């Protein structure tokens, strides 16, 4: 399947571009690169093999953390939780880190300040598969939500972002 620009949905911490917390913005798109413009198109389950959760961080955040991404189905059930160890340090540390609940260390992702679509921020992008998953096999279409937290602490990033997956 060829990837197409199926969607970009974003939520900002406050109106405009004010940053008050470590996660300034959450974006979803059908492309691995974080987008610059915002569109409200649904994600297409037939056109898009994956979609991406882009988490944009304030440049005031430092150190090592774990980003917790929770995807909730249109019926309100937890579909998937992805935990990603990250570092905002300019000097790269260990390549893997132990994360609670995982039997093996996970790969540490460097927050990238060169790819971020906003000034004075960094970004990570997390791929969520669509093609061949229970989403497409069981027609789980409709309004989904994604919630992103830091270090297993609820409500540490922005609120939940609602987005749509269509056939």
C-alpha atoms as a PDB file:
ATOM      1  CA  UNK A   1       0.000   0.000   0.000  1.00  0.00           C
ATOM      2  CA  UNK A   2       1.169   3.491  -0.726  1.00  0.00           C
ATOM      3  CA  UNK A   3       1.130   6.058   2.066  1.00  0.00           C
ATOM      4  CA  UNK A   4      -0.958   9.112   1.367  1.00  0.00           C
ATOM      5  CA  UNK A   5      -1.503  12.220   3.397  1.00  0.00           C
ATOM      6  CA  UNK A   6      -4.553  10.902   5.196  1.00  0.00           C
ATOM      7  CA  UNK A   7      -4.649  13.106   8.247  1.00  0.00           C
ATOM      8  CA  UNK A   8      -3.063  15.569  10.554  1.00  0.00           C
ATOM      9  CA  UNK A   9      -4.784  16.402  13.754  1.00  0.00           C
ATOM     10  CA  UNK A  10      -3.209  18.494  16.475  1.00  0.00           C
ATOM     11  CA  UNK A  11      -3.883  19.802  19.922  1.00  0.00           C
ATOM     12  CA  UNK A  12      -1.900  22.640  21.440  1.00  0.00           C
ATOM     13  CA  UNK A  13      -1.399  23.124  25.150  1.00  0.00           C
ATOM     14  CA  UNK A  14      -2.969  26.594  25.068  1.00  0.00           C
ATOM     15  CA  UNK A  15      -4.441  28.814  22.376  1.00  0.00           C
ATOM     16  CA  UNK A  16      -1.745  30.059  20.050  1.00  0.00           C
ATOM     17  CA  UNK A  17       1.653  28.593  20.719  1.00  0.00           C
ATOM     18  CA  UNK A  18       2.111  29.116  24.449  1.00  0.00           C
ATOM     19  CA  UNK A  19       4.047  26.359  26.155  1.00  0.00           C
ATOM     20  CA  UNK A  20       3.318  25.593  29.787  1.00  0.00           C
ATOM     21  CA  UNK A  21       4.247  21.924  30.104  1.00  0.00           C
ATOM     22  CA  UNK A  22       6.848  19.571  28.698  1.00  0.00           C
ATOM     23  CA  UNK A  23       4.611  18.321  25.872  1.00  0.00           C
ATOM     24  CA  UNK A  24       3.661  21.354  23.873  1.00  0.00           C
ATOM     25  CA  UNK A  25       1.670  19.637  21.143  1.00  0.00           C
ATOM     26  CA  UNK A  26       0.491  16.245  19.897  1.00  0.00           C
ATOM     27  CA  UNK A  27       0.048  15.714  16.148  1.00  0.00           C
ATOM     28  CA  UNK A  28      -1.216  12.726  14.172  1.00  0.00           C
ATOM     29  CA  UNK A  29      -0.444  12.186  10.508  1.00  0.00           C
ATOM     30  CA  UNK A  30      -0.105   9.502   7.854  1.00  0.00           C
ATOM     31  CA  UNK A  31       3.482  10.596   7.217  1.00  0.00           C
ATOM     32  CA  UNK A  32       6.583   9.779   9.301  1.00  0.00           C
ATOM     33  CA  UNK A  33       7.763  13.398   9.190  1.00  0.00           C
ATOM     34  CA  UNK A  34       5.980  15.828  11.515  1.00  0.00           C
ATOM     35  CA  UNK A  35       3.832  18.141   9.396  1.00  0.00           C
ATOM     36  CA  UNK A  36       3.832  21.926   9.437  1.00  0.00           C
ATOM     37  CA  UNK A  37       0.212  22.626   8.454  1.00  0.00           C
ATOM     38  CA  UNK A  38      -2.835  21.346  10.267  1.00  0.00           C
ATOM     39  CA  UNK A  39      -5.615  19.497   8.425  1.00  0.00           C
ATOM     40  CA  UNK A  40      -8.700  17.771   9.813  1.00  0.00           C
ATOM     41  CA  UNK A  41      -8.874  14.917   7.276  1.00  0.00           C
ATOM     42  CA  UNK A  42      -9.583  11.446   8.703  1.00  0.00           C
ATOM     43  CA  UNK A  43      -6.962   8.709   8.554  1.00  0.00           C
ATOM     44  CA  UNK A  44      -7.776   6.255   5.760  1.00  0.00           C
ATOM     45  CA  UNK A  45      -7.497   2.581   6.718  1.00  0.00           C
ATOM     46  CA  UNK A  46      -7.376   1.583   3.044  1.00  0.00           C
ATOM     47  CA  UNK A  47      -4.806   4.167   1.898  1.00  0.00           C
ATOM     48  CA  UNK A  48      -2.524   4.439   4.923  1.00  0.00           C
ATOM     49  CA  UNK A  49      -0.395   1.523   6.141  1.00  0.00           C
ATOM     50  CA  UNK A  50       0.495   3.354   9.361  1.00  0.00           C
ATOM     51  CA  UNK A  51      -0.248   6.546  11.131  1.00  0.00           C
ATOM     52  CA  UNK A  52       2.149   8.477  13.315  1.00  0.00           C
ATOM     53  CA  UNK A  53       1.831  10.135  16.693  1.00  0.00           C
ATOM     54  CA  UNK A  54       4.207  13.113  16.775  1.00  0.00           C
ATOM     55  CA  UNK A  55       4.933  14.426  20.274  1.00  0.00           C
ATOM     56  CA  UNK A  56       6.451  17.902  20.332  1.00  0.00           C
ATOM     57  CA  UNK A  57       8.373  18.884  23.456  1.00  0.00           C
ATOM     58  CA  UNK A  58       9.267  22.273  24.872  1.00  0.00           C
ATOM     59  CA  UNK A  59      12.976  23.048  24.704  1.00  0.00           C
ATOM     60  CA  UNK A  60      12.905  23.665  28.470  1.00  0.00           C
ATOM     61  CA  UNK A  61      12.536  19.927  29.097  1.00  0.00           C
ATOM     62  CA  UNK A  62      15.741  17.998  29.830  1.00  0.00           C
ATOM     63  CA  UNK A  63      16.921  14.543  30.821  1.00  0.00           C
ATOM     64  CA  UNK A  64      15.590  11.047  30.266  1.00  0.00           C
ATOM     65  CA  UNK A  65      11.886  10.175  30.314  1.00  0.00           C
ATOM     66  CA  UNK A  66       9.366   7.593  29.107  1.00  0.00           C
ATOM     67  CA  UNK A  67       6.572   8.730  26.767  1.00  0.00           C
ATOM     68  CA  UNK A  68       3.343   6.763  27.295  1.00  0.00           C
ATOM     69  CA  UNK A  69       0.942   6.687  24.323  1.00  0.00           C
ATOM     70  CA  UNK A  70      -2.532   5.182  24.844  1.00  0.00           C
ATOM     71  CA  UNK A  71      -4.887   4.579  21.916  1.00  0.00           C
ATOM     72  CA  UNK A  72      -8.590   4.242  22.709  1.00  0.00           C
ATOM     73  CA  UNK A  73     -11.154   2.715  20.313  1.00  0.00           C
ATOM     74  CA  UNK A  74     -14.423   4.362  19.265  1.00  0.00           C
ATOM     75  CA  UNK A  75     -16.111   2.180  21.918  1.00  0.00           C
ATOM     76  CA  UNK A  76     -13.887   3.621  24.656  1.00  0.00           C
ATOM     77  CA  UNK A  77     -11.654   0.574  25.135  1.00  0.00           C
ATOM     78  CA  UNK A  78      -7.870   0.670  25.386  1.00  0.00           C
ATOM     79  CA  UNK A  79      -6.577  -0.632  22.051  1.00  0.00           C
ATOM     80  CA  UNK A  80      -2.848  -0.259  22.598  1.00  0.00           C
ATOM     81  CA  UNK A  81      -0.313   1.328  24.913  1.00  0.00           C
ATOM     82  CA  UNK A  82       3.147   2.142  23.618  1.00  0.00           C
ATOM     83  CA  UNK A  83       5.904   3.242  26.011  1.00  0.00           C
ATOM     84  CA  UNK A  84       8.958   4.895  24.465  1.00  0.00           C
ATOM     85  CA  UNK A  85      12.075   5.786  26.467  1.00  0.00           C
ATOM     86  CA  UNK A  86      13.414   9.156  25.285  1.00  0.00           C
ATOM     87  CA  UNK A  87      16.346  11.410  25.984  1.00  0.00           C
ATOM     88  CA  UNK A  88      16.636  15.141  25.511  1.00  0.00           C
ATOM     89  CA  UNK A  89      20.337  15.159  26.316  1.00  0.00           C
ATOM     90  CA  UNK A  90      22.637  16.359  23.556  1.00  0.00           C
ATOM     91  CA  UNK A  91      25.185  13.682  24.426  1.00  0.00           C
ATOM     92  CA  UNK A  92      23.786  10.267  23.566  1.00  0.00           C
ATOM     93  CA  UNK A  93      23.605   7.902  26.527  1.00  0.00           C
ATOM     94  CA  UNK A  94      22.836   4.168  26.558  1.00  0.00           C
ATOM     95  CA  UNK A  95      21.101   2.769  23.456  1.00  0.00           C
ATOM     96  CA  UNK A  96      18.541   0.864  25.554  1.00  0.00           C
ATOM     97  CA  UNK A  97      16.815   1.343  28.894  1.00  0.00           C
ATOM     98  CA  UNK A  98      14.741  -0.865  31.189  1.00  0.00           C
ATOM     99  CA  UNK A  99      11.098   0.219  31.355  1.00  0.00           C
ATOM    100  CA  UNK A 100       8.643  -1.107  33.975  1.00  0.00           C
ATOM    101  CA  UNK A 101       6.347  -3.783  32.541  1.00  0.00           C
ATOM    102  CA  UNK A 102       8.675  -4.820  29.709  1.00  0.00           C
ATOM    103  CA  UNK A 103      10.765  -8.004  29.912  1.00  0.00           C
ATOM    104  CA  UNK A 104      13.687  -6.552  27.923  1.00  0.00           C
ATOM    105  CA  UNK A 105      15.239  -3.092  27.651  1.00  0.00           C
ATOM    106  CA  UNK A 106      13.682  -0.791  25.021  1.00  0.00           C
ATOM    107  CA  UNK A 107      15.529   1.330  22.474  1.00  0.00           C
ATOM    108  CA  UNK A 108      16.021   4.931  23.613  1.00  0.00           C
ATOM    109  CA  UNK A 109      14.792   7.570  21.128  1.00  0.00           C
ATOM    110  CA  UNK A 110      16.636  10.889  20.883  1.00  0.00           C
ATOM    111  CA  UNK A 111      14.258  13.871  20.770  1.00  0.00           C
ATOM    112  CA  UNK A 112      15.020  15.522  17.424  1.00  0.00           C
ATOM    113  CA  UNK A 113      15.180  19.306  17.413  1.00  0.00           C
ATOM    114  CA  UNK A 114      15.966  19.462  13.699  1.00  0.00           C
ATOM    115  CA  UNK A 115      12.696  17.823  12.547  1.00  0.00           C
ATOM    116  CA  UNK A 116      10.300  19.739  14.788  1.00  0.00           C
ATOM    117  CA  UNK A 117       7.775  21.916  12.953  1.00  0.00           C
ATOM    118  CA  UNK A 118       7.794  24.523  15.754  1.00  0.00           C
ATOM    119  CA  UNK A 119      10.623  26.807  16.892  1.00  0.00           C
ATOM    120  CA  UNK A 120      12.463  25.972  20.124  1.00  0.00           C
ATOM    121  CA  UNK A 121      11.025  22.464  20.352  1.00  0.00           C
ATOM    122  CA  UNK A 122      11.978  18.840  19.754  1.00  0.00           C
ATOM    123  CA  UNK A 123       9.897  15.967  18.373  1.00  0.00           C
ATOM    124  CA  UNK A 124       9.587  12.189  18.410  1.00  0.00           C
ATOM    125  CA  UNK A 125       7.389  10.225  16.010  1.00  0.00           C
ATOM    126  CA  UNK A 126       5.772   6.909  16.941  1.00  0.00           C
ATOM    127  CA  UNK A 127       4.451   4.633  14.168  1.00  0.00           C
ATOM    128  CA  UNK A 128       1.097   2.913  14.774  1.00  0.00           C
ATOM    129  CA  UNK A 129       0.344   0.131  12.237  1.00  0.00           C
ATOM    130  CA  UNK A 130      -3.032   0.085  10.442  1.00  0.00           C
ATOM    131  CA  UNK A 131      -2.718  -2.393   7.568  1.00  0.00           C
ATOM    132  CA  UNK A 132      -3.434  -5.968   8.629  1.00  0.00           C
ATOM    133  CA  UNK A 133      -4.286  -5.071  12.229  1.00  0.00           C
ATOM    134  CA  UNK A 134      -7.484  -5.669  14.178  1.00  0.00           C
ATOM    135  CA  UNK A 135      -8.453  -2.102  13.245  1.00  0.00           C
ATOM    136  CA  UNK A 136      -8.916  -3.073   9.602  1.00  0.00           C
ATOM    137  CA  UNK A 137      -9.821  -6.738  10.175  1.00  0.00           C
ATOM    138  CA  UNK A 138     -12.676  -5.849  12.556  1.00  0.00           C
ATOM    139  CA  UNK A 139     -13.699  -2.539  10.939  1.00  0.00           C
ATOM    140  CA  UNK A 140     -12.915  -0.469  14.035  1.00  0.00           C
ATOM    141  CA  UNK A 141     -13.697   2.762  12.215  1.00  0.00           C
ATOM    142  CA  UNK A 142     -14.878   5.982  13.788  1.00  0.00           C
ATOM    143  CA  UNK A 143     -13.601   8.454  16.369  1.00  0.00           C
ATOM    144  CA  UNK A 144     -10.540   7.275  18.281  1.00  0.00           C
ATOM    145  CA  UNK A 145      -8.498   9.081  20.885  1.00  0.00           C
ATOM    146  CA  UNK A 146      -4.816   9.184  21.744  1.00  0.00           C
ATOM    147  CA  UNK A 147      -3.561  10.259  25.145  1.00  0.00           C
ATOM    148  CA  UNK A 148       0.115  10.960  25.791  1.00  0.00           C
ATOM    149  CA  UNK A 149       1.675  11.060  29.254  1.00  0.00           C
ATOM    150  CA  UNK A 150       5.202  11.263  30.587  1.00  0.00           C
ATOM    151  CA  UNK A 151       6.895   8.877  33.005  1.00  0.00           C
ATOM    152  CA  UNK A 152       3.642   6.976  33.742  1.00  0.00           C
ATOM    153  CA  UNK A 153       2.113  10.113  35.325  1.00  0.00           C
ATOM    154  CA  UNK A 154      -1.427  10.858  34.046  1.00  0.00           C
ATOM    155  CA  UNK A 155      -2.183  14.274  32.577  1.00  0.00           C
ATOM    156  CA  UNK A 156       1.470  15.312  32.227  1.00  0.00           C
ATOM    157  CA  UNK A 157       1.207  16.172  28.533  1.00  0.00           C
ATOM    158  CA  UNK A 158      -1.815  17.607  26.740  1.00  0.00           C
ATOM    159  CA  UNK A 159      -5.336  16.237  26.950  1.00  0.00           C
ATOM    160  CA  UNK A 160      -6.577  13.422  24.733  1.00  0.00           C
ATOM    161  CA  UNK A 161      -6.624  14.082  20.993  1.00  0.00           C
ATOM    162  CA  UNK A 162      -9.688  12.798  19.125  1.00  0.00           C
ATOM    163  CA  UNK A 163      -9.183  11.667  15.533  1.00  0.00           C
ATOM    164  CA  UNK A 164     -11.079   9.608  12.991  1.00  0.00           C
ATOM    165  CA  UNK A 165     -10.154   6.427  11.155  1.00  0.00           C
ATOM    166  CA  UNK A 166     -12.321   5.788   8.104  1.00  0.00           C
ATOM    167  CA  UNK A 167     -12.498   2.737   5.803  1.00  0.00           C
END
